[in-house]
């Protein structure tokens, strides 16, 4: 899968594509339905499947703060690549894109930039200044510039309402990992580069790989059974995500202890962490001895969970 950063990096091979547009935060079941429709449309045509997305997400730009997003750009690319998307056009969202009219959005990006053959969007899709563009407007522009336009219906979760990134974020914040994963259609993941910590885990006998995202609000906290992908290999593990109240830190951090893993430095290595099941909430312990006992119990529980839990 190719990442195209901005219109200036579009090449001839990227054009005449079948495209969709959106934040794709979490790449959930609704997004996956759109991508399946894209791939079905592209089958046998030779046209590349393209996702157009934005960084930062528009709501981050307008609020001037970082809400707890489901996916970083790296995580989004991992998930889209697994769905065999051919290319992702990542548009920098700033004052220029914020002010663009719906007409110019279509002309500049979809027509002059990508020369799209077809566009497929969700039924609640809006674009352009003040969100003036909608599905009906896109259909009109498609007829004018000779590209097909179609939509997909909202995916619902039984009687619980529509599946959306907001609903998934709320499920994670409330501790409902299973509900969130159902709506996602895959395990919730976080990915990043391992950084050097304070070595407390090693001193306690449980060395950890630490992942940190300064400024990012994390959508979940607690202790989890996880699977970690490193250099193409998958390892079972137990993870704590939060502020580690026992050792009085405030910076959100993901600490992962890999089970049955020969200790070796992972500093600087890219890791993908898949959250399988929540074990408990994050707790403050009265001593490091008490913390050590809790970690040992967490490992026992994580082993039992991972023995019986299959991947999506």
C-alpha atoms as a PDB file:
ATOM      1  CA  UNK A   1       0.000   0.000   0.000  1.00  0.00           C
ATOM      2  CA  UNK A   2       1.284   3.456  -0.914  1.00  0.00           C
ATOM      3  CA  UNK A   3       0.966   6.550   1.253  1.00  0.00           C
ATOM      4  CA  UNK A   4       0.568   9.772  -0.759  1.00  0.00           C
ATOM      5  CA  UNK A   5       1.192  12.874   1.329  1.00  0.00           C
ATOM      6  CA  UNK A   6      -0.739  15.711  -0.301  1.00  0.00           C
ATOM      7  CA  UNK A   7      -1.807  16.500  -3.858  1.00  0.00           C
ATOM      8  CA  UNK A   8       1.736  17.381  -4.914  1.00  0.00           C
ATOM      9  CA  UNK A   9       2.834  13.761  -4.588  1.00  0.00           C
ATOM     10  CA  UNK A  10       0.123  12.232  -6.787  1.00  0.00           C
ATOM     11  CA  UNK A  11       1.635  10.442  -9.784  1.00  0.00           C
ATOM     12  CA  UNK A  12       0.047   9.023 -12.929  1.00  0.00           C
ATOM     13  CA  UNK A  13      -0.138   5.530 -11.393  1.00  0.00           C
ATOM     14  CA  UNK A  14      -2.308   6.869  -8.567  1.00  0.00           C
ATOM     15  CA  UNK A  15      -4.982   8.327 -10.872  1.00  0.00           C
ATOM     16  CA  UNK A  16      -8.211   6.897 -12.314  1.00  0.00           C
ATOM     17  CA  UNK A  17      -8.913   5.248  -8.971  1.00  0.00           C
ATOM     18  CA  UNK A  18     -11.991   4.082  -7.092  1.00  0.00           C
ATOM     19  CA  UNK A  19     -11.998   6.326  -4.015  1.00  0.00           C
ATOM     20  CA  UNK A  20     -13.628   6.996  -0.687  1.00  0.00           C
ATOM     21  CA  UNK A  21     -13.167   9.934   1.680  1.00  0.00           C
ATOM     22  CA  UNK A  22     -13.243  10.252   5.460  1.00  0.00           C
ATOM     23  CA  UNK A  23     -11.378  10.173   8.761  1.00  0.00           C
ATOM     24  CA  UNK A  24     -11.542   6.375   9.019  1.00  0.00           C
ATOM     25  CA  UNK A  25     -10.794   6.634  12.735  1.00  0.00           C
ATOM     26  CA  UNK A  26     -10.547   3.053  13.989  1.00  0.00           C
ATOM     27  CA  UNK A  27     -11.342   1.539  10.552  1.00  0.00           C
ATOM     28  CA  UNK A  28     -14.534   0.026  11.987  1.00  0.00           C
ATOM     29  CA  UNK A  29     -17.241  -2.176  10.459  1.00  0.00           C
ATOM     30  CA  UNK A  30     -18.867   0.770   8.688  1.00  0.00           C
ATOM     31  CA  UNK A  31     -15.566   1.741   7.092  1.00  0.00           C
ATOM     32  CA  UNK A  32     -14.929  -1.871   6.141  1.00  0.00           C
ATOM     33  CA  UNK A  33     -18.265  -2.064   4.351  1.00  0.00           C
ATOM     34  CA  UNK A  34     -17.243   0.939   2.253  1.00  0.00           C
ATOM     35  CA  UNK A  35     -13.840  -0.566   1.439  1.00  0.00           C
ATOM     36  CA  UNK A  36     -15.432  -3.888   0.444  1.00  0.00           C
ATOM     37  CA  UNK A  37     -17.700  -1.999  -1.940  1.00  0.00           C
ATOM     38  CA  UNK A  38     -14.649  -0.159  -3.331  1.00  0.00           C
ATOM     39  CA  UNK A  39     -12.824  -3.424  -3.958  1.00  0.00           C
ATOM     40  CA  UNK A  40     -15.871  -5.007  -5.592  1.00  0.00           C
ATOM     41  CA  UNK A  41     -16.204  -1.964  -7.857  1.00  0.00           C
ATOM     42  CA  UNK A  42     -12.499  -2.045  -8.789  1.00  0.00           C
ATOM     43  CA  UNK A  43     -12.389  -5.789  -9.466  1.00  0.00           C
ATOM     44  CA  UNK A  44     -11.357  -6.512 -13.029  1.00  0.00           C
ATOM     45  CA  UNK A  45     -10.851  -2.841 -13.933  1.00  0.00           C
ATOM     46  CA  UNK A  46      -7.220  -2.387 -12.930  1.00  0.00           C
ATOM     47  CA  UNK A  47      -8.218   0.772 -11.059  1.00  0.00           C
ATOM     48  CA  UNK A  48      -6.447   1.304  -7.708  1.00  0.00           C
ATOM     49  CA  UNK A  49      -8.518   1.402  -4.508  1.00  0.00           C
ATOM     50  CA  UNK A  50      -7.884   4.725  -2.762  1.00  0.00           C
ATOM     51  CA  UNK A  51      -8.772   6.113   0.677  1.00  0.00           C
ATOM     52  CA  UNK A  52      -8.618   9.902   1.057  1.00  0.00           C
ATOM     53  CA  UNK A  53      -8.135  10.936   4.675  1.00  0.00           C
ATOM     54  CA  UNK A  54      -6.960  13.935   6.699  1.00  0.00           C
ATOM     55  CA  UNK A  55      -4.240  14.685   9.233  1.00  0.00           C
ATOM     56  CA  UNK A  56      -4.940  16.117  11.708  1.00  0.00           C
ATOM     57  CA  UNK A  57      -8.533  15.051  11.811  1.00  0.00           C
ATOM     58  CA  UNK A  58     -10.827  18.066  11.203  1.00  0.00           C
ATOM     59  CA  UNK A  59     -12.313  17.931  14.712  1.00  0.00           C
ATOM     60  CA  UNK A  60      -8.791  18.129  16.164  1.00  0.00           C
ATOM     61  CA  UNK A  61      -8.058  21.193  14.048  1.00  0.00           C
ATOM     62  CA  UNK A  62     -11.248  23.012  15.000  1.00  0.00           C
ATOM     63  CA  UNK A  63     -11.070  22.227  18.712  1.00  0.00           C
ATOM     64  CA  UNK A  64      -7.341  23.019  18.957  1.00  0.00           C
ATOM     65  CA  UNK A  65      -6.919  20.013  21.215  1.00  0.00           C
ATOM     66  CA  UNK A  66      -6.496  16.302  20.793  1.00  0.00           C
ATOM     67  CA  UNK A  67      -9.566  14.276  21.727  1.00  0.00           C
ATOM     68  CA  UNK A  68      -8.992  10.587  22.339  1.00  0.00           C
ATOM     69  CA  UNK A  69      -8.772   9.284  18.796  1.00  0.00           C
ATOM     70  CA  UNK A  70      -9.037   5.582  18.035  1.00  0.00           C
ATOM     71  CA  UNK A  71      -6.178   5.468  15.538  1.00  0.00           C
ATOM     72  CA  UNK A  72      -2.996   7.387  14.933  1.00  0.00           C
ATOM     73  CA  UNK A  73      -2.055   7.745  11.274  1.00  0.00           C
ATOM     74  CA  UNK A  74       0.342   4.802  11.645  1.00  0.00           C
ATOM     75  CA  UNK A  75      -2.370   2.616  13.176  1.00  0.00           C
ATOM     76  CA  UNK A  76      -4.842   3.633  10.465  1.00  0.00           C
ATOM     77  CA  UNK A  77      -2.346   2.683   7.760  1.00  0.00           C
ATOM     78  CA  UNK A  78      -1.744  -0.713   9.387  1.00  0.00           C
ATOM     79  CA  UNK A  79      -5.487  -1.439   9.402  1.00  0.00           C
ATOM     80  CA  UNK A  80      -6.087  -0.200   5.849  1.00  0.00           C
ATOM     81  CA  UNK A  81      -3.129  -2.155   4.508  1.00  0.00           C
ATOM     82  CA  UNK A  82      -4.579  -5.328   6.051  1.00  0.00           C
ATOM     83  CA  UNK A  83      -7.722  -4.699   3.960  1.00  0.00           C
ATOM     84  CA  UNK A  84      -5.642  -4.557   0.736  1.00  0.00           C
ATOM     85  CA  UNK A  85      -6.243  -0.870   0.047  1.00  0.00           C
ATOM     86  CA  UNK A  86      -3.863   0.155  -2.741  1.00  0.00           C
ATOM     87  CA  UNK A  87      -3.192   3.744  -1.738  1.00  0.00           C
ATOM     88  CA  UNK A  88      -4.000   6.344   0.910  1.00  0.00           C
ATOM     89  CA  UNK A  89      -4.022  10.035   0.032  1.00  0.00           C
ATOM     90  CA  UNK A  90      -3.377  11.887   3.304  1.00  0.00           C
ATOM     91  CA  UNK A  91      -4.392  15.531   3.003  1.00  0.00           C
ATOM     92  CA  UNK A  92      -2.956  18.032   5.526  1.00  0.00           C
ATOM     93  CA  UNK A  93      -5.970  19.662   7.183  1.00  0.00           C
ATOM     94  CA  UNK A  94      -5.347  23.321   7.908  1.00  0.00           C
ATOM     95  CA  UNK A  95      -6.698  26.767   7.085  1.00  0.00           C
ATOM     96  CA  UNK A  96      -6.524  26.215   3.320  1.00  0.00           C
ATOM     97  CA  UNK A  97      -8.488  22.979   3.298  1.00  0.00           C
ATOM     98  CA  UNK A  98     -10.888  24.269   5.962  1.00  0.00           C
ATOM     99  CA  UNK A  99     -11.862  27.190   3.720  1.00  0.00           C
ATOM    100  CA  UNK A 100     -12.275  25.270   0.459  1.00  0.00           C
ATOM    101  CA  UNK A 101     -15.771  25.186  -1.023  1.00  0.00           C
ATOM    102  CA  UNK A 102     -17.526  21.909  -1.708  1.00  0.00           C
ATOM    103  CA  UNK A 103     -17.237  22.532  -5.471  1.00  0.00           C
ATOM    104  CA  UNK A 104     -13.491  23.189  -5.265  1.00  0.00           C
ATOM    105  CA  UNK A 105     -12.975  20.196  -2.980  1.00  0.00           C
ATOM    106  CA  UNK A 106     -14.314  17.960  -5.746  1.00  0.00           C
ATOM    107  CA  UNK A 107     -12.497  19.779  -8.564  1.00  0.00           C
ATOM    108  CA  UNK A 108      -9.098  20.061  -6.867  1.00  0.00           C
ATOM    109  CA  UNK A 109      -8.882  16.711  -5.116  1.00  0.00           C
ATOM    110  CA  UNK A 110     -11.150  14.230  -6.868  1.00  0.00           C
ATOM    111  CA  UNK A 111     -11.052  15.496 -10.454  1.00  0.00           C
ATOM    112  CA  UNK A 112      -7.767  17.360 -11.065  1.00  0.00           C
ATOM    113  CA  UNK A 113      -5.848  15.448  -8.394  1.00  0.00           C
ATOM    114  CA  UNK A 114      -7.004  11.835  -8.571  1.00  0.00           C
ATOM    115  CA  UNK A 115      -9.110  11.796 -11.767  1.00  0.00           C
ATOM    116  CA  UNK A 116     -11.442   9.415  -9.964  1.00  0.00           C
ATOM    117  CA  UNK A 117     -13.537   6.874 -11.825  1.00  0.00           C
ATOM    118  CA  UNK A 118     -15.906   6.328  -8.947  1.00  0.00           C
ATOM    119  CA  UNK A 119     -16.495   7.600  -5.402  1.00  0.00           C
ATOM    120  CA  UNK A 120     -18.190   5.643  -2.621  1.00  0.00           C
ATOM    121  CA  UNK A 121     -19.023   7.328   0.691  1.00  0.00           C
ATOM    122  CA  UNK A 122     -21.060   6.765   3.826  1.00  0.00           C
ATOM    123  CA  UNK A 123     -24.647   8.003   3.868  1.00  0.00           C
ATOM    124  CA  UNK A 124     -23.769  10.762   6.387  1.00  0.00           C
ATOM    125  CA  UNK A 125     -20.811  12.132   4.410  1.00  0.00           C
ATOM    126  CA  UNK A 126     -20.214  15.922   4.322  1.00  0.00           C
ATOM    127  CA  UNK A 127     -17.319  17.989   2.956  1.00  0.00           C
ATOM    128  CA  UNK A 128     -16.233  21.514   2.065  1.00  0.00           C
ATOM    129  CA  UNK A 129     -16.492  24.776   3.980  1.00  0.00           C
ATOM    130  CA  UNK A 130     -19.178  24.617   6.661  1.00  0.00           C
ATOM    131  CA  UNK A 131     -19.854  20.988   5.640  1.00  0.00           C
ATOM    132  CA  UNK A 132     -21.880  22.374   2.732  1.00  0.00           C
ATOM    133  CA  UNK A 133     -21.204  19.386   0.493  1.00  0.00           C
ATOM    134  CA  UNK A 134     -23.253  16.212   0.938  1.00  0.00           C
ATOM    135  CA  UNK A 135     -24.088  13.043  -0.974  1.00  0.00           C
ATOM    136  CA  UNK A 136     -26.591  14.821  -3.223  1.00  0.00           C
ATOM    137  CA  UNK A 137     -24.053  17.523  -4.107  1.00  0.00           C
ATOM    138  CA  UNK A 138     -21.442  14.860  -4.829  1.00  0.00           C
ATOM    139  CA  UNK A 139     -23.868  13.143  -7.220  1.00  0.00           C
ATOM    140  CA  UNK A 140     -24.356  16.425  -9.100  1.00  0.00           C
ATOM    141  CA  UNK A 141     -20.584  16.930  -9.361  1.00  0.00           C
ATOM    142  CA  UNK A 142     -20.165  13.332 -10.476  1.00  0.00           C
ATOM    143  CA  UNK A 143     -22.550  13.853 -13.373  1.00  0.00           C
ATOM    144  CA  UNK A 144     -20.721  17.053 -14.313  1.00  0.00           C
ATOM    145  CA  UNK A 145     -17.255  15.470 -14.262  1.00  0.00           C
ATOM    146  CA  UNK A 146     -18.198  11.947 -15.391  1.00  0.00           C
ATOM    147  CA  UNK A 147     -17.517   9.820 -12.296  1.00  0.00           C
ATOM    148  CA  UNK A 148     -19.885   7.456 -10.530  1.00  0.00           C
ATOM    149  CA  UNK A 149     -21.120   8.190  -7.021  1.00  0.00           C
ATOM    150  CA  UNK A 150     -22.703   5.718  -4.607  1.00  0.00           C
ATOM    151  CA  UNK A 151     -23.182   5.419  -0.864  1.00  0.00           C
ATOM    152  CA  UNK A 152     -23.338   2.712   1.790  1.00  0.00           C
ATOM    153  CA  UNK A 153     -25.975   2.436   4.456  1.00  0.00           C
ATOM    154  CA  UNK A 154     -25.133   2.979   8.109  1.00  0.00           C
ATOM    155  CA  UNK A 155     -24.134  -0.212   9.926  1.00  0.00           C
ATOM    156  CA  UNK A 156     -26.064  -0.678  13.177  1.00  0.00           C
ATOM    157  CA  UNK A 157     -25.366  -2.675  16.311  1.00  0.00           C
ATOM    158  CA  UNK A 158     -28.718  -4.389  16.855  1.00  0.00           C
ATOM    159  CA  UNK A 159     -30.953  -2.046  18.883  1.00  0.00           C
ATOM    160  CA  UNK A 160     -27.963  -0.143  20.309  1.00  0.00           C
ATOM    161  CA  UNK A 161     -27.774   2.327  17.447  1.00  0.00           C
ATOM    162  CA  UNK A 162     -25.332   3.061  14.627  1.00  0.00           C
ATOM    163  CA  UNK A 163     -21.743   1.936  14.641  1.00  0.00           C
ATOM    164  CA  UNK A 164     -19.498   4.990  14.708  1.00  0.00           C
ATOM    165  CA  UNK A 165     -16.076   6.052  15.926  1.00  0.00           C
ATOM    166  CA  UNK A 166     -17.794   8.050  18.681  1.00  0.00           C
ATOM    167  CA  UNK A 167     -19.746   4.999  19.912  1.00  0.00           C
ATOM    168  CA  UNK A 168     -16.559   2.911  19.916  1.00  0.00           C
ATOM    169  CA  UNK A 169     -14.643   5.604  21.792  1.00  0.00           C
ATOM    170  CA  UNK A 170     -17.394   5.742  24.421  1.00  0.00           C
ATOM    171  CA  UNK A 171     -17.306   1.948  24.803  1.00  0.00           C
ATOM    172  CA  UNK A 172     -13.537   1.992  25.353  1.00  0.00           C
ATOM    173  CA  UNK A 173     -13.707   4.814  27.880  1.00  0.00           C
ATOM    174  CA  UNK A 174     -16.393   2.936  29.839  1.00  0.00           C
ATOM    175  CA  UNK A 175     -14.293  -0.256  29.872  1.00  0.00           C
ATOM    176  CA  UNK A 176     -16.406  -2.201  27.350  1.00  0.00           C
ATOM    177  CA  UNK A 177     -13.548  -3.577  25.245  1.00  0.00           C
ATOM    178  CA  UNK A 178     -15.631  -6.472  23.890  1.00  0.00           C
ATOM    179  CA  UNK A 179     -18.358  -4.109  22.696  1.00  0.00           C
ATOM    180  CA  UNK A 180     -15.792  -1.821  21.106  1.00  0.00           C
ATOM    181  CA  UNK A 181     -14.101  -4.727  19.301  1.00  0.00           C
ATOM    182  CA  UNK A 182     -17.448  -5.950  17.985  1.00  0.00           C
ATOM    183  CA  UNK A 183     -18.122  -2.534  16.455  1.00  0.00           C
ATOM    184  CA  UNK A 184     -14.565  -2.302  15.125  1.00  0.00           C
ATOM    185  CA  UNK A 185     -14.670  -5.749  13.549  1.00  0.00           C
ATOM    186  CA  UNK A 186     -11.143  -6.340  14.828  1.00  0.00           C
ATOM    187  CA  UNK A 187      -9.166  -6.084  18.025  1.00  0.00           C
ATOM    188  CA  UNK A 188      -8.394  -2.538  19.135  1.00  0.00           C
ATOM    189  CA  UNK A 189      -4.743  -1.827  18.340  1.00  0.00           C
ATOM    190  CA  UNK A 190      -2.092   0.688  19.276  1.00  0.00           C
ATOM    191  CA  UNK A 191       1.222   0.943  17.472  1.00  0.00           C
ATOM    192  CA  UNK A 192       4.389   2.883  18.069  1.00  0.00           C
ATOM    193  CA  UNK A 193       8.086   2.866  18.776  1.00  0.00           C
ATOM    194  CA  UNK A 194       9.323   1.435  22.080  1.00  0.00           C
ATOM    195  CA  UNK A 195      11.040   4.016  24.262  1.00  0.00           C
ATOM    196  CA  UNK A 196      13.321   3.723  27.268  1.00  0.00           C
ATOM    197  CA  UNK A 197      11.508   3.895  30.599  1.00  0.00           C
ATOM    198  CA  UNK A 198      12.625   3.993  34.234  1.00  0.00           C
ATOM    199  CA  UNK A 199      13.432   0.253  34.239  1.00  0.00           C
ATOM    200  CA  UNK A 200      11.051  -0.342  37.162  1.00  0.00           C
ATOM    201  CA  UNK A 201       9.516  -3.382  35.437  1.00  0.00           C
ATOM    202  CA  UNK A 202      12.939  -4.973  35.028  1.00  0.00           C
ATOM    203  CA  UNK A 203      13.772  -4.330  38.681  1.00  0.00           C
ATOM    204  CA  UNK A 204      10.540  -6.064  39.677  1.00  0.00           C
ATOM    205  CA  UNK A 205      11.285  -9.012  37.394  1.00  0.00           C
ATOM    206  CA  UNK A 206       8.872  -8.059  34.616  1.00  0.00           C
ATOM    207  CA  UNK A 207      10.730  -6.166  31.866  1.00  0.00           C
ATOM    208  CA  UNK A 208       8.424  -4.064  29.701  1.00  0.00           C
ATOM    209  CA  UNK A 209       8.402  -2.401  26.327  1.00  0.00           C
ATOM    210  CA  UNK A 210       7.074   1.136  26.771  1.00  0.00           C
ATOM    211  CA  UNK A 211       5.107   3.068  24.177  1.00  0.00           C
ATOM    212  CA  UNK A 212       4.290   6.732  24.712  1.00  0.00           C
ATOM    213  CA  UNK A 213       2.323   9.270  22.656  1.00  0.00           C
ATOM    214  CA  UNK A 214       2.940  12.773  24.094  1.00  0.00           C
ATOM    215  CA  UNK A 215      -0.187  14.897  23.826  1.00  0.00           C
ATOM    216  CA  UNK A 216      -2.438  12.042  22.784  1.00  0.00           C
ATOM    217  CA  UNK A 217      -5.418  11.283  25.002  1.00  0.00           C
ATOM    218  CA  UNK A 218      -5.753   7.512  25.215  1.00  0.00           C
ATOM    219  CA  UNK A 219      -9.287   6.103  24.950  1.00  0.00           C
ATOM    220  CA  UNK A 220      -8.830   3.291  27.459  1.00  0.00           C
ATOM    221  CA  UNK A 221      -7.084   2.517  30.747  1.00  0.00           C
ATOM    222  CA  UNK A 222      -6.417  -0.604  32.749  1.00  0.00           C
ATOM    223  CA  UNK A 223      -4.615  -3.932  32.556  1.00  0.00           C
ATOM    224  CA  UNK A 224      -5.152  -6.118  29.484  1.00  0.00           C
ATOM    225  CA  UNK A 225      -4.253  -9.437  27.931  1.00  0.00           C
ATOM    226  CA  UNK A 226      -2.623  -8.489  24.624  1.00  0.00           C
ATOM    227  CA  UNK A 227      -0.848  -9.844  21.578  1.00  0.00           C
ATOM    228  CA  UNK A 228       2.220  -7.967  20.365  1.00  0.00           C
ATOM    229  CA  UNK A 229       3.515  -8.041  16.805  1.00  0.00           C
ATOM    230  CA  UNK A 230       7.236  -7.388  16.373  1.00  0.00           C
ATOM    231  CA  UNK A 231       9.168  -8.048  13.170  1.00  0.00           C
ATOM    232  CA  UNK A 232       6.353 -10.224  11.839  1.00  0.00           C
ATOM    233  CA  UNK A 233       6.196 -12.450  14.933  1.00  0.00           C
ATOM    234  CA  UNK A 234       3.301 -12.447  17.404  1.00  0.00           C
ATOM    235  CA  UNK A 235       3.884 -12.717  21.164  1.00  0.00           C
ATOM    236  CA  UNK A 236       1.437 -13.018  24.038  1.00  0.00           C
ATOM    237  CA  UNK A 237       1.660 -10.360  26.690  1.00  0.00           C
ATOM    238  CA  UNK A 238       0.083  -8.404  29.515  1.00  0.00           C
ATOM    239  CA  UNK A 239      -0.177  -4.630  29.282  1.00  0.00           C
ATOM    240  CA  UNK A 240      -0.896  -1.706  31.550  1.00  0.00           C
ATOM    241  CA  UNK A 241      -2.139   1.470  29.952  1.00  0.00           C
ATOM    242  CA  UNK A 242      -2.640   4.598  32.023  1.00  0.00           C
ATOM    243  CA  UNK A 243      -0.713   6.831  34.403  1.00  0.00           C
ATOM    244  CA  UNK A 244       0.731   4.157  36.771  1.00  0.00           C
ATOM    245  CA  UNK A 245      -0.656   5.599  40.039  1.00  0.00           C
ATOM    246  CA  UNK A 246       1.548   3.398  42.266  1.00  0.00           C
ATOM    247  CA  UNK A 247       4.711   5.129  41.025  1.00  0.00           C
ATOM    248  CA  UNK A 248       3.121   8.601  40.791  1.00  0.00           C
ATOM    249  CA  UNK A 249       3.394   9.431  37.097  1.00  0.00           C
ATOM    250  CA  UNK A 250       0.946  11.514  35.102  1.00  0.00           C
ATOM    251  CA  UNK A 251       2.051  10.909  31.519  1.00  0.00           C
ATOM    252  CA  UNK A 252      -0.168   8.244  29.864  1.00  0.00           C
ATOM    253  CA  UNK A 253       1.973   5.261  28.972  1.00  0.00           C
ATOM    254  CA  UNK A 254       1.496   1.785  27.537  1.00  0.00           C
ATOM    255  CA  UNK A 255       3.730  -0.791  29.225  1.00  0.00           C
ATOM    256  CA  UNK A 256       3.813  -4.281  27.744  1.00  0.00           C
ATOM    257  CA  UNK A 257       5.400  -7.364  29.309  1.00  0.00           C
ATOM    258  CA  UNK A 258       5.915 -10.072  26.690  1.00  0.00           C
ATOM    259  CA  UNK A 259       5.342 -13.614  27.941  1.00  0.00           C
ATOM    260  CA  UNK A 260       7.879 -16.343  27.161  1.00  0.00           C
ATOM    261  CA  UNK A 261      10.127 -13.826  25.472  1.00  0.00           C
ATOM    262  CA  UNK A 262      13.902 -13.869  25.808  1.00  0.00           C
ATOM    263  CA  UNK A 263      14.758 -10.481  27.331  1.00  0.00           C
ATOM    264  CA  UNK A 264      16.326  -8.204  24.752  1.00  0.00           C
ATOM    265  CA  UNK A 265      16.242  -4.451  24.293  1.00  0.00           C
ATOM    266  CA  UNK A 266      13.328  -3.333  22.138  1.00  0.00           C
ATOM    267  CA  UNK A 267      14.172   0.378  22.299  1.00  0.00           C
ATOM    268  CA  UNK A 268      13.448   2.013  18.968  1.00  0.00           C
ATOM    269  CA  UNK A 269      11.560  -0.987  17.617  1.00  0.00           C
ATOM    270  CA  UNK A 270       8.106  -0.626  16.080  1.00  0.00           C
ATOM    271  CA  UNK A 271       5.469  -2.665  17.928  1.00  0.00           C
ATOM    272  CA  UNK A 272       1.783  -3.304  17.300  1.00  0.00           C
ATOM    273  CA  UNK A 273      -0.269  -4.133  20.399  1.00  0.00           C
ATOM    274  CA  UNK A 274      -3.666  -5.839  19.985  1.00  0.00           C
ATOM    275  CA  UNK A 275      -5.929  -5.627  23.039  1.00  0.00           C
ATOM    276  CA  UNK A 276      -7.662  -8.978  23.572  1.00  0.00           C
ATOM    277  CA  UNK A 277      -9.452  -8.676  26.908  1.00  0.00           C
ATOM    278  CA  UNK A 278      -9.535  -6.357  29.903  1.00  0.00           C
ATOM    279  CA  UNK A 279      -8.257  -7.952  33.131  1.00  0.00           C
ATOM    280  CA  UNK A 280      -8.860  -5.150  35.614  1.00  0.00           C
ATOM    281  CA  UNK A 281      -8.855  -1.393  36.016  1.00  0.00           C
ATOM    282  CA  UNK A 282      -5.663   0.480  36.834  1.00  0.00           C
ATOM    283  CA  UNK A 283      -5.077   0.529  40.599  1.00  0.00           C
ATOM    284  CA  UNK A 284      -2.856   2.233  43.132  1.00  0.00           C
ATOM    285  CA  UNK A 285      -1.018  -0.201  45.407  1.00  0.00           C
ATOM    286  CA  UNK A 286       0.413   0.608  48.826  1.00  0.00           C
ATOM    287  CA  UNK A 287       3.838  -0.887  48.062  1.00  0.00           C
ATOM    288  CA  UNK A 288       5.957  -2.297  45.256  1.00  0.00           C
ATOM    289  CA  UNK A 289       5.600  -5.761  46.838  1.00  0.00           C
ATOM    290  CA  UNK A 290       1.836  -5.487  46.510  1.00  0.00           C
ATOM    291  CA  UNK A 291       2.253  -4.311  42.909  1.00  0.00           C
ATOM    292  CA  UNK A 292       4.508  -7.304  42.183  1.00  0.00           C
ATOM    293  CA  UNK A 293       1.897  -9.734  43.511  1.00  0.00           C
ATOM    294  CA  UNK A 294      -0.759  -8.095  41.359  1.00  0.00           C
ATOM    295  CA  UNK A 295       1.408  -8.357  38.236  1.00  0.00           C
ATOM    296  CA  UNK A 296       1.990 -12.066  38.876  1.00  0.00           C
ATOM    297  CA  UNK A 297      -1.762 -12.596  39.125  1.00  0.00           C
ATOM    298  CA  UNK A 298      -2.330 -10.518  35.973  1.00  0.00           C
ATOM    299  CA  UNK A 299       0.084 -12.787  34.087  1.00  0.00           C
ATOM    300  CA  UNK A 300      -1.783 -15.906  35.234  1.00  0.00           C
ATOM    301  CA  UNK A 301      -5.090 -14.430  34.087  1.00  0.00           C
ATOM    302  CA  UNK A 302      -3.587 -13.219  30.768  1.00  0.00           C
ATOM    303  CA  UNK A 303      -2.218 -16.680  29.990  1.00  0.00           C
ATOM    304  CA  UNK A 304      -5.630 -18.231  30.603  1.00  0.00           C
ATOM    305  CA  UNK A 305      -7.382 -15.669  28.403  1.00  0.00           C
ATOM    306  CA  UNK A 306      -4.896 -15.924  25.542  1.00  0.00           C
ATOM    307  CA  UNK A 307      -4.986 -19.710  25.590  1.00  0.00           C
ATOM    308  CA  UNK A 308      -8.639 -19.624  24.566  1.00  0.00           C
ATOM    309  CA  UNK A 309      -8.993 -16.384  22.610  1.00  0.00           C
ATOM    310  CA  UNK A 310      -8.509 -16.554  18.862  1.00  0.00           C
ATOM    311  CA  UNK A 311      -7.625 -13.615  16.658  1.00  0.00           C
ATOM    312  CA  UNK A 312     -10.286 -11.938  14.512  1.00  0.00           C
END
